[in-house]
Amino acid sequence: MKASRIAATGALAGTAVLALSVPAFAHVSVQPEGTAAKGGYAVVDFKVPNERDNASTTKLEVTFPTDHPLASVMPQPVPGWTAKVTKSTLDKPLEMHGKKITEAVTKVTWTADGKGIEPGFFQKFPVSVGTLPEDTDELVFKAIQTYSNKEVVRWIEVPQEGQEEPENPAPVLELSAAEDGHHGSSSSDQASDSDDAEAASAKTEAAEPADSSDTTARVLGVVGIVVGALGVAYGVLAGRRRTDA
């Protein structure tokens, strides 16, 4: 009797823990495949879990940030889903590879061709994005999830530092520090490049005498080996002559 009570209490506690832990991860999120470095390109995955037992997720709308617009957004084909990319004119044009970009992607919508994401499953929607901004540490993507029973869940609440996670948090992409070759050039960068070029030239000039000295050392080494061999041969012949005498 006592054992059964303990088992029942344990099962109830486990169920409570599971119920409390679900909201912590069962929402639309975004994570990079690898790193998402400032000033570079990245492939990010929008992960969409199905939170309902009696309906499937049939549509996902992701709004891209307008305060840090991305000039290049390319969704990867996902079997069973159709992706629609929406572009809008920018208030302030972007500079990219020496060209002015006057419009950028503001929304990507995925619509299921069949059953969609069924209960107990999740789906990833990969997107190639760039270039990532250098003047912020994160990008916020607001998402809307639609179920087959017409229920709509809006993941649009922006998490605030120092506060508890909201009930329907928006997906947030954390950006890492800029990698070499992914930051914009400036006068200080050009000066640094010039210094690097001068240093490389100095190393080349310094390497030439070293090569000459190496060659000389090799020649002297060969000569020493030859002289040593002649000395050994002379010693052997002298020994033979003494033996014959």
Protein backbone atom coordinates (compact mmCIF):
# COMPACT_ATOMS: atom_id res chain seq x y z
CA MET A 1 0.00 0.00 0.00
CA LYS A 2 2.79 2.32 1.02
CA ALA A 3 4.77 1.48 -2.11
CA SER A 4 1.79 2.18 -4.34
CA ARG A 5 1.29 5.56 -2.70
CA ILE A 6 4.95 6.44 -3.27
CA ALA A 7 4.70 5.37 -6.91
CA ALA A 8 1.55 7.43 -7.41
CA THR A 9 3.12 10.46 -5.76
CA GLY A 10 6.22 10.10 -7.95
CA ALA A 11 4.15 9.83 -11.12
CA LEU A 12 2.14 12.91 -10.16
CA ALA A 13 5.31 14.89 -9.43
CA GLY A 14 6.82 13.82 -12.75
CA THR A 15 3.70 14.93 -14.59
CA ALA A 16 3.78 18.28 -12.82
CA VAL A 17 7.44 18.82 -13.71
CA LEU A 18 6.75 17.96 -17.34
CA ALA A 19 3.78 20.32 -17.45
CA LEU A 20 5.84 23.14 -15.98
CA SER A 21 8.77 22.51 -18.32
CA VAL A 22 6.75 22.46 -21.57
CA PRO A 23 6.31 26.25 -21.93
CA ALA A 24 10.07 26.71 -21.59
CA PHE A 25 10.83 25.07 -24.93
CA ALA A 26 7.55 24.43 -26.77
CA HIS A 27 7.47 27.62 -28.80
CA VAL A 28 8.72 28.84 -32.16
CA SER A 29 12.46 29.53 -31.94
CA VAL A 30 15.39 30.39 -34.21
CA GLN A 31 18.92 28.99 -34.06
CA PRO A 32 21.87 29.26 -36.46
CA GLU A 33 23.45 26.26 -38.13
CA GLY A 34 26.93 26.92 -36.82
CA THR A 35 27.48 30.60 -36.04
CA ALA A 36 25.68 33.83 -36.88
CA ALA A 37 28.54 36.34 -36.91
CA LYS A 38 28.01 40.06 -37.27
CA GLY A 39 28.71 41.27 -40.81
CA GLY A 40 28.53 37.77 -42.27
CA TYR A 41 26.06 35.28 -43.67
CA ALA A 42 24.39 32.40 -41.86
CA VAL A 43 21.82 29.65 -42.25
CA VAL A 44 19.23 29.82 -39.49
CA ASP A 45 16.53 27.32 -38.60
CA PHE A 46 13.06 28.34 -37.45
CA LYS A 47 12.00 25.44 -35.26
CA VAL A 48 8.23 24.96 -34.97
CA PRO A 49 6.83 22.40 -32.51
CA ASN A 50 3.19 21.33 -32.62
CA GLU A 51 1.66 22.08 -29.21
CA ARG A 52 -1.82 20.70 -29.82
CA ASP A 53 -3.10 17.14 -29.45
CA ASN A 54 -6.07 17.54 -31.81
CA ALA A 55 -4.72 19.77 -34.60
CA SER A 56 -1.75 20.14 -36.94
CA THR A 57 0.32 23.23 -37.73
CA THR A 58 -0.47 24.18 -41.31
CA LYS A 59 1.02 27.67 -41.64
CA LEU A 60 3.95 29.71 -40.34
CA GLU A 61 4.52 33.42 -40.93
CA VAL A 62 7.85 34.95 -39.90
CA THR A 63 8.28 38.73 -39.96
CA PHE A 64 11.84 39.94 -40.53
CA PRO A 65 13.18 42.98 -38.64
CA THR A 66 12.80 46.34 -40.36
CA ASP A 67 15.16 48.17 -38.00
CA HIS A 68 17.98 45.90 -39.24
CA PRO A 69 16.82 44.78 -42.73
CA LEU A 70 18.53 41.85 -44.42
CA ALA A 71 19.31 42.31 -48.10
CA SER A 72 19.61 38.56 -48.78
CA VAL A 73 16.99 36.07 -47.55
CA MET A 74 16.65 32.67 -49.24
CA PRO A 75 14.49 29.92 -47.73
CA GLN A 76 15.52 26.32 -48.31
CA PRO A 77 12.82 24.12 -49.86
CA VAL A 78 11.01 22.02 -47.26
CA PRO A 79 9.17 18.92 -48.52
CA GLY A 80 5.42 19.26 -48.06
CA TRP A 81 5.54 23.04 -47.70
CA THR A 82 5.35 26.04 -50.05
CA ALA A 83 7.36 29.15 -49.16
CA LYS A 84 6.36 32.68 -50.16
CA VAL A 85 8.82 35.56 -49.81
CA THR A 86 7.45 39.09 -49.34
CA LYS A 87 9.62 42.14 -50.05
CA SER A 88 9.05 45.77 -49.11
CA THR A 89 10.65 49.07 -50.04
CA LEU A 90 13.18 50.30 -47.50
CA ASP A 91 12.95 53.75 -45.96
CA LYS A 92 16.74 53.89 -46.09
CA PRO A 93 18.60 52.01 -48.90
CA LEU A 94 21.33 49.53 -47.95
CA GLU A 95 24.85 49.34 -49.38
CA MET A 96 25.84 45.80 -50.38
CA HIS A 97 28.88 44.90 -52.51
CA GLY A 98 28.98 48.42 -53.88
CA LYS A 99 25.30 48.38 -54.88
CA LYS A 100 22.30 50.15 -53.39
CA ILE A 101 19.54 47.86 -52.14
CA THR A 102 16.18 49.63 -52.09
CA GLU A 103 14.03 46.71 -50.90
CA ALA A 104 14.41 43.79 -48.52
CA VAL A 105 12.50 40.73 -47.37
CA THR A 106 10.04 41.60 -44.62
CA LYS A 107 8.17 38.30 -44.36
CA VAL A 108 8.43 34.62 -45.26
CA THR A 109 5.29 32.48 -45.16
CA TRP A 110 5.30 28.67 -45.22
CA THR A 111 2.04 26.90 -46.03
CA ALA A 112 1.58 23.13 -45.74
CA ASP A 113 0.64 21.25 -48.91
CA GLY A 114 -0.68 18.34 -46.88
CA LYS A 115 -1.18 17.54 -43.19
CA GLY A 116 1.55 19.88 -41.94
CA ILE A 117 3.16 19.34 -38.54
CA GLU A 118 1.11 16.71 -36.76
CA PRO A 119 0.74 16.35 -32.97
CA GLY A 120 3.93 15.11 -31.31
CA PHE A 121 6.22 16.43 -34.06
CA PHE A 122 8.20 19.53 -34.95
CA GLN A 123 9.56 20.99 -38.20
CA LYS A 124 12.61 23.09 -39.07
CA PHE A 125 12.48 25.80 -41.73
CA PRO A 126 16.03 26.73 -42.85
CA VAL A 127 16.76 30.18 -44.27
CA SER A 128 20.01 31.69 -45.57
CA VAL A 129 20.33 35.30 -44.37
CA GLY A 130 22.85 38.13 -44.72
CA THR A 131 24.54 40.28 -44.35
CA LEU A 132 23.97 40.29 -40.61
CA PRO A 133 24.12 43.73 -38.94
CA GLU A 134 27.19 44.80 -36.98
CA ASP A 135 25.49 47.33 -34.70
CA THR A 136 23.30 44.95 -32.67
CA ASP A 137 23.71 41.76 -30.65
CA GLU A 138 20.42 40.16 -31.64
CA LEU A 139 17.64 40.06 -34.21
CA VAL A 140 13.97 39.61 -33.31
CA PHE A 141 11.70 37.66 -35.66
CA LYS A 142 7.99 37.77 -34.83
CA ALA A 143 6.13 34.61 -35.85
CA ILE A 144 2.50 33.56 -36.28
CA GLN A 145 1.59 29.86 -36.08
CA THR A 146 -1.72 28.65 -37.54
CA TYR A 147 -3.33 25.29 -36.79
CA SER A 148 -5.66 23.15 -38.87
CA ASN A 149 -8.57 24.03 -36.53
CA LYS A 150 -8.06 27.73 -37.43
CA GLU A 151 -6.42 28.52 -34.07
CA VAL A 152 -3.72 31.19 -34.35
CA VAL A 153 -0.83 31.61 -31.90
CA ARG A 154 1.17 34.84 -32.10
CA TRP A 155 4.80 34.51 -31.01
CA ILE A 156 5.39 38.26 -30.98
CA GLU A 157 6.27 39.26 -27.41
CA VAL A 158 9.84 40.59 -27.25
CA PRO A 159 11.79 39.18 -24.27
CA GLN A 160 13.21 41.88 -21.99
CA GLU A 161 16.54 41.52 -20.22
CA GLY A 162 16.17 40.94 -16.51
CA GLN A 163 12.52 39.93 -16.80
CA GLU A 164 10.78 36.58 -16.99
CA GLU A 165 10.17 35.06 -20.40
CA PRO A 166 6.80 36.18 -21.77
CA GLU A 167 4.04 33.68 -22.45
CA ASN A 168 4.41 33.94 -26.24
CA PRO A 169 8.04 35.01 -26.83
CA ALA A 170 9.20 36.03 -30.29
CA PRO A 171 12.12 34.08 -31.78
CA VAL A 172 15.42 35.87 -31.06
CA LEU A 173 18.65 35.23 -32.98
CA GLU A 174 21.79 35.89 -30.94
CA LEU A 175 24.68 37.30 -33.02
CA SER A 176 28.30 36.44 -32.30
CA ALA A 177 31.34 38.69 -32.73
CA ALA A 178 32.39 39.56 -36.28
CA GLU A 179 34.83 37.12 -37.85
CA ASP A 180 37.93 38.06 -39.87
CA GLY A 181 37.00 39.29 -43.34
CA HIS A 182 33.34 39.84 -42.41
CA HIS A 183 33.59 43.41 -41.16
CA GLY A 184 33.37 46.56 -43.21
CA SER A 185 36.58 48.32 -44.27
CA SER A 186 37.59 51.65 -42.77
CA SER A 187 40.63 53.92 -42.80
CA SER A 188 42.03 52.11 -39.77
CA ASP A 189 41.48 48.76 -41.51
CA GLN A 190 43.29 50.04 -44.59
CA ALA A 191 46.16 51.28 -42.43
CA SER A 192 46.31 47.90 -40.77
CA ASP A 193 46.38 46.19 -44.18
CA SER A 194 49.23 48.50 -45.23
CA ASP A 195 51.17 47.64 -42.08
CA ASP A 196 50.61 43.95 -42.72
CA ALA A 197 51.90 44.34 -46.29
CA GLU A 198 55.04 46.14 -45.07
CA ALA A 199 55.61 43.49 -42.44
CA ALA A 200 55.27 40.75 -45.05
CA SER A 201 57.76 42.56 -47.31
CA ALA A 202 60.22 42.90 -44.45
CA LYS A 203 59.88 39.19 -43.70
CA THR A 204 60.60 38.38 -47.35
CA GLU A 205 63.72 40.57 -47.38
CA ALA A 206 64.90 39.08 -44.12
CA ALA A 207 64.35 35.59 -45.48
CA GLU A 208 66.73 36.08 -48.42
CA PRO A 209 70.00 36.26 -46.40
CA ALA A 210 68.77 33.36 -44.32
CA ASP A 211 68.33 31.29 -47.49
CA SER A 212 71.85 32.27 -48.64
CA SER A 213 73.37 31.31 -45.30
CA ASP A 214 71.49 28.01 -45.38
CA THR A 215 72.92 27.26 -48.84
CA THR A 216 76.44 28.08 -47.66
CA ALA A 217 76.05 25.86 -44.63
CA ARG A 218 74.85 22.98 -46.80
CA VAL A 219 77.87 23.36 -49.16
CA LEU A 220 80.29 23.41 -46.23
CA GLY A 221 78.58 20.37 -44.78
CA VAL A 222 78.98 18.43 -48.01
CA VAL A 223 82.63 19.44 -48.27
CA GLY A 224 83.20 18.32 -44.69
CA ILE A 225 81.67 14.93 -45.43
CA VAL A 226 83.88 14.49 -48.52
CA VAL A 227 87.01 15.49 -46.60
CA GLY A 228 86.09 13.12 -43.80
CA ALA A 229 85.58 10.25 -46.24
CA LEU A 230 88.99 10.90 -47.86
CA GLY A 231 90.60 10.89 -44.43
CA VAL A 232 89.07 7.53 -43.58
CA ALA A 233 90.18 6.07 -46.91
CA TYR A 234 93.74 7.35 -46.37
CA GLY A 235 93.81 5.80 -42.90
CA VAL A 236 92.71 2.42 -44.26
CA LEU A 237 95.38 2.44 -47.00
CA ALA A 238 98.08 3.45 -44.54
CA GLY A 239 97.10 0.58 -42.24
CA ARG A 240 97.32 -1.91 -45.09
CA ARG A 241 100.81 -0.71 -46.04
CA ARG A 242 102.07 -1.19 -42.50
CA THR A 243 100.61 -4.69 -42.39
CA ASP A 244 102.25 -5.61 -45.70
CA ALA A 245 105.61 -4.30 -44.45
